């Protein structure tokens, strides 16, 4: 179900888009969230808008989809019942968010600064995956914990034109931007939230806080020719 929701979100954000982009992002937890997660996260972000800003209408709306990993643990563990056989366990703490996006871009030319606002939600989850020792084959995986938070925020960026495009693509820009997202309270796991007792049982101790994030993005934006 989770993968289906993400696929539908991507199709919604891009199928009818007049601008579309992808970026690599770094995320820095803020406020209460930073007290529990003192890591730099990394991930990707996709966006699409319903029309390209023009002189007569220097703003646009669309959707934004992001995925960021804010923590990861890799462990080598013995396979109980099979002496001398070991498995690799990877536990990943992630956040996937979907936002309604509004962008104001009143300048036109080779360099185009802009500002934007966002509103939506974030799905915060921890997954564990077990592979054989050479990491070539997945044996099992499971979602250990998940929660949802509403979030909203703002951002600013600048576009640098690198090409006048081709076929149905009008222009291509390099995109540099920063965002601050305010997240409501949620429960989540960190790298220290999982404890294994003497019997081998796993105990999850989730943290709870607001989920504010600052992100920095480097990517590419394409302006499509209207069909």
C-alpha atoms as a PDB file:
ATOM      1  CA  UNK A   1       0.000   0.000   0.000  1.00  0.00           C
ATOM      2  CA  UNK A   2       2.791   2.433   0.915  1.00  0.00           C
ATOM      3  CA  UNK A   3       4.584   1.891  -2.410  1.00  0.00           C
ATOM      4  CA  UNK A   4       1.298   2.322  -4.284  1.00  0.00           C
ATOM      5  CA  UNK A   5       0.650   5.663  -2.589  1.00  0.00           C
ATOM      6  CA  UNK A   6       4.146   6.880  -3.509  1.00  0.00           C
ATOM      7  CA  UNK A   7       3.735   5.787  -7.155  1.00  0.00           C
ATOM      8  CA  UNK A   8       0.358   7.535  -7.434  1.00  0.00           C
ATOM      9  CA  UNK A   9       1.835  10.679  -5.894  1.00  0.00           C
ATOM     10  CA  UNK A  10       4.669  10.703  -8.446  1.00  0.00           C
ATOM     11  CA  UNK A  11       2.232  10.244 -11.336  1.00  0.00           C
ATOM     12  CA  UNK A  12      -0.023  13.012 -10.019  1.00  0.00           C
ATOM     13  CA  UNK A  13       2.908  15.383  -9.585  1.00  0.00           C
ATOM     14  CA  UNK A  14       4.383  14.804 -13.043  1.00  0.00           C
ATOM     15  CA  UNK A  15       1.750  13.592 -15.528  1.00  0.00           C
ATOM     16  CA  UNK A  16       0.089  16.996 -15.991  1.00  0.00           C
ATOM     17  CA  UNK A  17       3.092  19.143 -15.108  1.00  0.00           C
ATOM     18  CA  UNK A  18       4.280  22.131 -17.137  1.00  0.00           C
ATOM     19  CA  UNK A  19       7.444  22.224 -15.035  1.00  0.00           C
ATOM     20  CA  UNK A  20       9.101  19.240 -13.421  1.00  0.00           C
ATOM     21  CA  UNK A  21      12.238  18.688 -11.426  1.00  0.00           C
ATOM     22  CA  UNK A  22      14.351  16.378  -9.341  1.00  0.00           C
ATOM     23  CA  UNK A  23      16.926  17.234  -6.715  1.00  0.00           C
ATOM     24  CA  UNK A  24      19.286  15.660  -4.235  1.00  0.00           C
ATOM     25  CA  UNK A  25      18.776  17.000  -0.724  1.00  0.00           C
ATOM     26  CA  UNK A  26      20.507  17.126   2.630  1.00  0.00           C
ATOM     27  CA  UNK A  27      18.324  17.419   5.730  1.00  0.00           C
ATOM     28  CA  UNK A  28      19.180  18.900   9.118  1.00  0.00           C
ATOM     29  CA  UNK A  29      16.780  18.141  12.029  1.00  0.00           C
ATOM     30  CA  UNK A  30      15.790  21.265  13.956  1.00  0.00           C
ATOM     31  CA  UNK A  31      14.434  22.125  17.415  1.00  0.00           C
ATOM     32  CA  UNK A  32      13.112  19.220  19.492  1.00  0.00           C
ATOM     33  CA  UNK A  33      13.763  16.806  16.632  1.00  0.00           C
ATOM     34  CA  UNK A  34      17.482  17.619  16.659  1.00  0.00           C
ATOM     35  CA  UNK A  35      17.751  16.658  20.345  1.00  0.00           C
ATOM     36  CA  UNK A  36      16.866  13.087  19.381  1.00  0.00           C
ATOM     37  CA  UNK A  37      18.288  12.920  15.830  1.00  0.00           C
ATOM     38  CA  UNK A  38      21.679  14.562  15.547  1.00  0.00           C
ATOM     39  CA  UNK A  39      22.400  13.302  12.027  1.00  0.00           C
ATOM     40  CA  UNK A  40      22.486  14.867   8.591  1.00  0.00           C
ATOM     41  CA  UNK A  41      19.839  13.145   6.480  1.00  0.00           C
ATOM     42  CA  UNK A  42      19.991  12.596   2.727  1.00  0.00           C
ATOM     43  CA  UNK A  43      17.429  11.900   0.063  1.00  0.00           C
ATOM     44  CA  UNK A  44      15.676  12.946  -3.145  1.00  0.00           C
ATOM     45  CA  UNK A  45      12.825  15.301  -4.009  1.00  0.00           C
ATOM     46  CA  UNK A  46      10.492  15.422  -7.024  1.00  0.00           C
ATOM     47  CA  UNK A  47       8.167  18.257  -7.960  1.00  0.00           C
ATOM     48  CA  UNK A  48       5.769  19.239 -10.705  1.00  0.00           C
ATOM     49  CA  UNK A  49       3.697  22.373 -11.271  1.00  0.00           C
ATOM     50  CA  UNK A  50       0.527  22.823 -13.298  1.00  0.00           C
ATOM     51  CA  UNK A  51       1.891  25.711 -15.361  1.00  0.00           C
ATOM     52  CA  UNK A  52       5.107  27.661 -15.796  1.00  0.00           C
ATOM     53  CA  UNK A  53       5.279  31.175 -14.288  1.00  0.00           C
ATOM     54  CA  UNK A  54       4.853  33.982 -16.828  1.00  0.00           C
ATOM     55  CA  UNK A  55       5.024  37.797 -16.788  1.00  0.00           C
ATOM     56  CA  UNK A  56       1.235  37.996 -16.504  1.00  0.00           C
ATOM     57  CA  UNK A  57       1.025  35.182 -13.942  1.00  0.00           C
ATOM     58  CA  UNK A  58       4.362  35.037 -12.040  1.00  0.00           C
ATOM     59  CA  UNK A  59       3.327  32.197  -9.742  1.00  0.00           C
ATOM     60  CA  UNK A  60       2.383  28.540 -10.034  1.00  0.00           C
ATOM     61  CA  UNK A  61       1.028  25.662  -7.962  1.00  0.00           C
ATOM     62  CA  UNK A  62       1.810  21.979  -7.921  1.00  0.00           C
ATOM     63  CA  UNK A  63       2.893  19.025  -5.830  1.00  0.00           C
ATOM     64  CA  UNK A  64       6.128  17.991  -4.182  1.00  0.00           C
ATOM     65  CA  UNK A  65       7.264  14.516  -3.109  1.00  0.00           C
ATOM     66  CA  UNK A  66      10.337  13.889  -0.964  1.00  0.00           C
ATOM     67  CA  UNK A  67      12.107  10.960   0.648  1.00  0.00           C
ATOM     68  CA  UNK A  68      14.884  11.341   3.200  1.00  0.00           C
ATOM     69  CA  UNK A  69      16.870   8.894   5.327  1.00  0.00           C
ATOM     70  CA  UNK A  70      17.634  10.396   8.733  1.00  0.00           C
ATOM     71  CA  UNK A  71      19.383   7.411  10.299  1.00  0.00           C
ATOM     72  CA  UNK A  72      20.712   3.960   9.474  1.00  0.00           C
ATOM     73  CA  UNK A  73      22.229   1.039  11.379  1.00  0.00           C
ATOM     74  CA  UNK A  74      24.087  -1.908   9.828  1.00  0.00           C
ATOM     75  CA  UNK A  75      24.807  -4.987  11.946  1.00  0.00           C
ATOM     76  CA  UNK A  76      26.300  -8.455  11.380  1.00  0.00           C
ATOM     77  CA  UNK A  77      24.429 -11.063  13.398  1.00  0.00           C
ATOM     78  CA  UNK A  78      24.597 -14.855  13.742  1.00  0.00           C
ATOM     79  CA  UNK A  79      21.749 -16.827  12.222  1.00  0.00           C
ATOM     80  CA  UNK A  80      20.230 -18.567  15.231  1.00  0.00           C
ATOM     81  CA  UNK A  81      20.047 -22.312  14.685  1.00  0.00           C
ATOM     82  CA  UNK A  82      22.765 -22.289  12.015  1.00  0.00           C
ATOM     83  CA  UNK A  83      26.187 -22.132  13.747  1.00  0.00           C
ATOM     84  CA  UNK A  84      28.839 -20.285  11.786  1.00  0.00           C
ATOM     85  CA  UNK A  85      26.309 -18.591   9.481  1.00  0.00           C
ATOM     86  CA  UNK A  86      25.895 -14.808   9.666  1.00  0.00           C
ATOM     87  CA  UNK A  87      23.370 -12.333   8.339  1.00  0.00           C
ATOM     88  CA  UNK A  88      23.516  -8.606   7.669  1.00  0.00           C
ATOM     89  CA  UNK A  89      20.761  -6.495   9.244  1.00  0.00           C
ATOM     90  CA  UNK A  90      20.098  -2.987   7.942  1.00  0.00           C
ATOM     91  CA  UNK A  91      17.665  -0.785   9.859  1.00  0.00           C
ATOM     92  CA  UNK A  92      16.701   2.465   8.105  1.00  0.00           C
ATOM     93  CA  UNK A  93      14.875   5.440   9.604  1.00  0.00           C
ATOM     94  CA  UNK A  94      13.104   7.395   6.874  1.00  0.00           C
ATOM     95  CA  UNK A  95      10.615  10.156   6.168  1.00  0.00           C
ATOM     96  CA  UNK A  96       8.455  10.453   3.035  1.00  0.00           C
ATOM     97  CA  UNK A  97       6.466  13.638   2.521  1.00  0.00           C
ATOM     98  CA  UNK A  98       3.903  14.929   0.052  1.00  0.00           C
ATOM     99  CA  UNK A  99       3.161  18.662  -0.191  1.00  0.00           C
ATOM    100  CA  UNK A 100       0.945  21.073  -2.006  1.00  0.00           C
ATOM    101  CA  UNK A 101       3.386  23.604  -3.461  1.00  0.00           C
ATOM    102  CA  UNK A 102       2.962  27.276  -4.354  1.00  0.00           C
ATOM    103  CA  UNK A 103       5.872  29.078  -6.003  1.00  0.00           C
ATOM    104  CA  UNK A 104       6.333  32.764  -6.856  1.00  0.00           C
ATOM    105  CA  UNK A 105       8.900  33.516  -9.559  1.00  0.00           C
ATOM    106  CA  UNK A 106       8.628  37.173 -10.691  1.00  0.00           C
ATOM    107  CA  UNK A 107      11.992  37.365 -12.497  1.00  0.00           C
ATOM    108  CA  UNK A 108      12.745  36.054 -15.983  1.00  0.00           C
ATOM    109  CA  UNK A 109      15.985  35.392 -17.788  1.00  0.00           C
ATOM    110  CA  UNK A 110      19.127  33.371 -17.262  1.00  0.00           C
ATOM    111  CA  UNK A 111      18.994  33.743 -13.458  1.00  0.00           C
ATOM    112  CA  UNK A 112      15.598  33.393 -11.747  1.00  0.00           C
ATOM    113  CA  UNK A 113      15.206  33.737  -7.958  1.00  0.00           C
ATOM    114  CA  UNK A 114      11.969  32.453  -6.428  1.00  0.00           C
ATOM    115  CA  UNK A 115      10.179  31.838  -3.145  1.00  0.00           C
ATOM    116  CA  UNK A 116       7.752  29.056  -2.258  1.00  0.00           C
ATOM    117  CA  UNK A 117       5.343  27.795   0.369  1.00  0.00           C
ATOM    118  CA  UNK A 118       4.440  24.188   1.172  1.00  0.00           C
ATOM    119  CA  UNK A 119       1.736  22.350   3.090  1.00  0.00           C
ATOM    120  CA  UNK A 120       1.250  18.610   3.492  1.00  0.00           C
ATOM    121  CA  UNK A 121       2.222  15.631   5.567  1.00  0.00           C
ATOM    122  CA  UNK A 122       5.090  13.306   6.379  1.00  0.00           C
ATOM    123  CA  UNK A 123       5.060   9.545   6.833  1.00  0.00           C
ATOM    124  CA  UNK A 124       7.848   8.620   9.277  1.00  0.00           C
ATOM    125  CA  UNK A 125       8.844   4.974   9.372  1.00  0.00           C
ATOM    126  CA  UNK A 126      11.587   2.509  10.258  1.00  0.00           C
ATOM    127  CA  UNK A 127      12.246  -0.585   8.152  1.00  0.00           C
ATOM    128  CA  UNK A 128      14.557  -3.526   8.802  1.00  0.00           C
ATOM    129  CA  UNK A 129      15.994  -5.660   6.029  1.00  0.00           C
ATOM    130  CA  UNK A 130      17.958  -8.886   6.376  1.00  0.00           C
ATOM    131  CA  UNK A 131      20.363 -10.034   3.652  1.00  0.00           C
ATOM    132  CA  UNK A 132      22.854 -12.833   3.336  1.00  0.00           C
ATOM    133  CA  UNK A 133      26.410 -12.008   4.276  1.00  0.00           C
ATOM    134  CA  UNK A 134      27.593 -10.963   0.813  1.00  0.00           C
ATOM    135  CA  UNK A 135      24.615  -8.504   0.562  1.00  0.00           C
ATOM    136  CA  UNK A 136      23.396  -9.969  -2.724  1.00  0.00           C
ATOM    137  CA  UNK A 137      20.088 -11.503  -1.624  1.00  0.00           C
ATOM    138  CA  UNK A 138      17.311 -10.120   0.566  1.00  0.00           C
ATOM    139  CA  UNK A 139      15.924 -12.716   2.948  1.00  0.00           C
ATOM    140  CA  UNK A 140      13.265 -10.727   4.802  1.00  0.00           C
ATOM    141  CA  UNK A 141      12.107  -7.195   5.570  1.00  0.00           C
ATOM    142  CA  UNK A 142       9.633  -5.568   7.927  1.00  0.00           C
ATOM    143  CA  UNK A 143       8.305  -2.147   8.925  1.00  0.00           C
ATOM    144  CA  UNK A 144       9.114  -1.877  12.628  1.00  0.00           C
ATOM    145  CA  UNK A 145       7.403   1.403  13.464  1.00  0.00           C
ATOM    146  CA  UNK A 146       5.584   4.240  11.706  1.00  0.00           C
ATOM    147  CA  UNK A 147       3.667   7.435  12.357  1.00  0.00           C
ATOM    148  CA  UNK A 148       2.326  10.491  10.528  1.00  0.00           C
ATOM    149  CA  UNK A 149       2.897  14.225  11.021  1.00  0.00           C
ATOM    150  CA  UNK A 150       1.446  17.297   9.335  1.00  0.00           C
ATOM    151  CA  UNK A 151       3.973  19.828   8.170  1.00  0.00           C
ATOM    152  CA  UNK A 152       4.224  23.161   6.405  1.00  0.00           C
ATOM    153  CA  UNK A 153       7.023  25.511   5.522  1.00  0.00           C
ATOM    154  CA  UNK A 154       8.660  27.896   3.138  1.00  0.00           C
ATOM    155  CA  UNK A 155      11.681  28.038   0.918  1.00  0.00           C
ATOM    156  CA  UNK A 156      13.744  30.167  -1.420  1.00  0.00           C
ATOM    157  CA  UNK A 157      15.900  29.287  -4.357  1.00  0.00           C
ATOM    158  CA  UNK A 158      17.534  30.389  -7.543  1.00  0.00           C
ATOM    159  CA  UNK A 159      17.456  28.914 -11.052  1.00  0.00           C
ATOM    160  CA  UNK A 160      20.348  29.133 -13.529  1.00  0.00           C
ATOM    161  CA  UNK A 161      19.470  28.426 -17.161  1.00  0.00           C
ATOM    162  CA  UNK A 162      21.772  25.850 -18.732  1.00  0.00           C
ATOM    163  CA  UNK A 163      19.858  25.006 -21.934  1.00  0.00           C
ATOM    164  CA  UNK A 164      17.044  26.245 -24.149  1.00  0.00           C
ATOM    165  CA  UNK A 165      15.753  22.685 -24.236  1.00  0.00           C
ATOM    166  CA  UNK A 166      14.738  20.288 -26.993  1.00  0.00           C
ATOM    167  CA  UNK A 167      11.522  18.906 -28.509  1.00  0.00           C
ATOM    168  CA  UNK A 168       8.810  19.405 -25.843  1.00  0.00           C
ATOM    169  CA  UNK A 169      11.208  20.811 -23.243  1.00  0.00           C
ATOM    170  CA  UNK A 170      11.419  24.592 -23.380  1.00  0.00           C
ATOM    171  CA  UNK A 171      14.202  25.399 -20.915  1.00  0.00           C
ATOM    172  CA  UNK A 172      16.381  23.537 -18.434  1.00  0.00           C
ATOM    173  CA  UNK A 173      17.682  25.114 -15.216  1.00  0.00           C
ATOM    174  CA  UNK A 174      20.014  24.176 -12.415  1.00  0.00           C
ATOM    175  CA  UNK A 175      18.089  24.571  -9.162  1.00  0.00           C
ATOM    176  CA  UNK A 176      19.600  25.565  -5.795  1.00  0.00           C
ATOM    177  CA  UNK A 177      17.210  26.022  -2.878  1.00  0.00           C
ATOM    178  CA  UNK A 178      16.743  25.792   0.872  1.00  0.00           C
ATOM    179  CA  UNK A 179      13.573  24.996   2.828  1.00  0.00           C
ATOM    180  CA  UNK A 180      12.395  25.030   6.419  1.00  0.00           C
ATOM    181  CA  UNK A 181       9.558  22.643   7.320  1.00  0.00           C
ATOM    182  CA  UNK A 182       7.611  22.815  10.579  1.00  0.00           C
ATOM    183  CA  UNK A 183       6.329  19.360  11.597  1.00  0.00           C
ATOM    184  CA  UNK A 184       3.723  18.446  14.190  1.00  0.00           C
ATOM    185  CA  UNK A 185       4.463  15.947  16.954  1.00  0.00           C
ATOM    186  CA  UNK A 186       5.061  12.332  15.997  1.00  0.00           C
ATOM    187  CA  UNK A 187       6.608   9.195  17.416  1.00  0.00           C
ATOM    188  CA  UNK A 188       9.617   7.714  15.635  1.00  0.00           C
ATOM    189  CA  UNK A 189      12.637   5.504  16.131  1.00  0.00           C
ATOM    190  CA  UNK A 190      16.254   6.645  16.183  1.00  0.00           C
ATOM    191  CA  UNK A 191      19.492   4.700  15.988  1.00  0.00           C
ATOM    192  CA  UNK A 192      19.422   4.331  19.785  1.00  0.00           C
ATOM    193  CA  UNK A 193      15.727   3.358  20.021  1.00  0.00           C
ATOM    194  CA  UNK A 194      16.207  -0.374  19.467  1.00  0.00           C
ATOM    195  CA  UNK A 195      17.384  -2.529  22.377  1.00  0.00           C
ATOM    196  CA  UNK A 196      18.101  -6.259  22.353  1.00  0.00           C
ATOM    197  CA  UNK A 197      17.745  -7.942  25.763  1.00  0.00           C
ATOM    198  CA  UNK A 198      19.596 -11.005  27.065  1.00  0.00           C
ATOM    199  CA  UNK A 199      16.997 -13.349  25.557  1.00  0.00           C
ATOM    200  CA  UNK A 200      17.486 -11.868  22.100  1.00  0.00           C
ATOM    201  CA  UNK A 201      14.132 -10.094  22.081  1.00  0.00           C
ATOM    202  CA  UNK A 202      14.016  -6.693  20.384  1.00  0.00           C
ATOM    203  CA  UNK A 203      12.458  -3.797  22.298  1.00  0.00           C
ATOM    204  CA  UNK A 204      11.522  -0.563  20.525  1.00  0.00           C
ATOM    205  CA  UNK A 205      11.641   2.669  22.507  1.00  0.00           C
ATOM    206  CA  UNK A 206      10.235   5.425  20.258  1.00  0.00           C
ATOM    207  CA  UNK A 207      10.931   9.112  20.752  1.00  0.00           C
ATOM    208  CA  UNK A 208       8.260  11.793  20.525  1.00  0.00           C
ATOM    209  CA  UNK A 209       8.713  15.402  19.458  1.00  0.00           C
ATOM    210  CA  UNK A 210       7.912  17.939  16.798  1.00  0.00           C
ATOM    211  CA  UNK A 211       9.551  17.075  13.483  1.00  0.00           C
ATOM    212  CA  UNK A 212      11.052  20.290  12.106  1.00  0.00           C
ATOM    213  CA  UNK A 213      13.564  19.961   9.263  1.00  0.00           C
ATOM    214  CA  UNK A 214      15.858  22.275   7.305  1.00  0.00           C
ATOM    215  CA  UNK A 215      16.776  20.995   3.847  1.00  0.00           C
ATOM    216  CA  UNK A 216      19.223  22.098   1.159  1.00  0.00           C
ATOM    217  CA  UNK A 217      18.666  20.995  -2.456  1.00  0.00           C
ATOM    218  CA  UNK A 218      20.699  20.791  -5.658  1.00  0.00           C
ATOM    219  CA  UNK A 219      18.828  19.656  -8.747  1.00  0.00           C
ATOM    220  CA  UNK A 220      17.437  20.238 -12.230  1.00  0.00           C
ATOM    221  CA  UNK A 221      14.159  21.871 -13.325  1.00  0.00           C
ATOM    222  CA  UNK A 222      12.670  21.518 -16.811  1.00  0.00           C
ATOM    223  CA  UNK A 223      10.071  23.896 -18.288  1.00  0.00           C
ATOM    224  CA  UNK A 224       7.891  21.977 -20.738  1.00  0.00           C
ATOM    225  CA  UNK A 225       6.272  23.458 -23.812  1.00  0.00           C
ATOM    226  CA  UNK A 226       2.484  23.564 -23.444  1.00  0.00           C
ATOM    227  CA  UNK A 227       0.739  20.842 -25.434  1.00  0.00           C
END
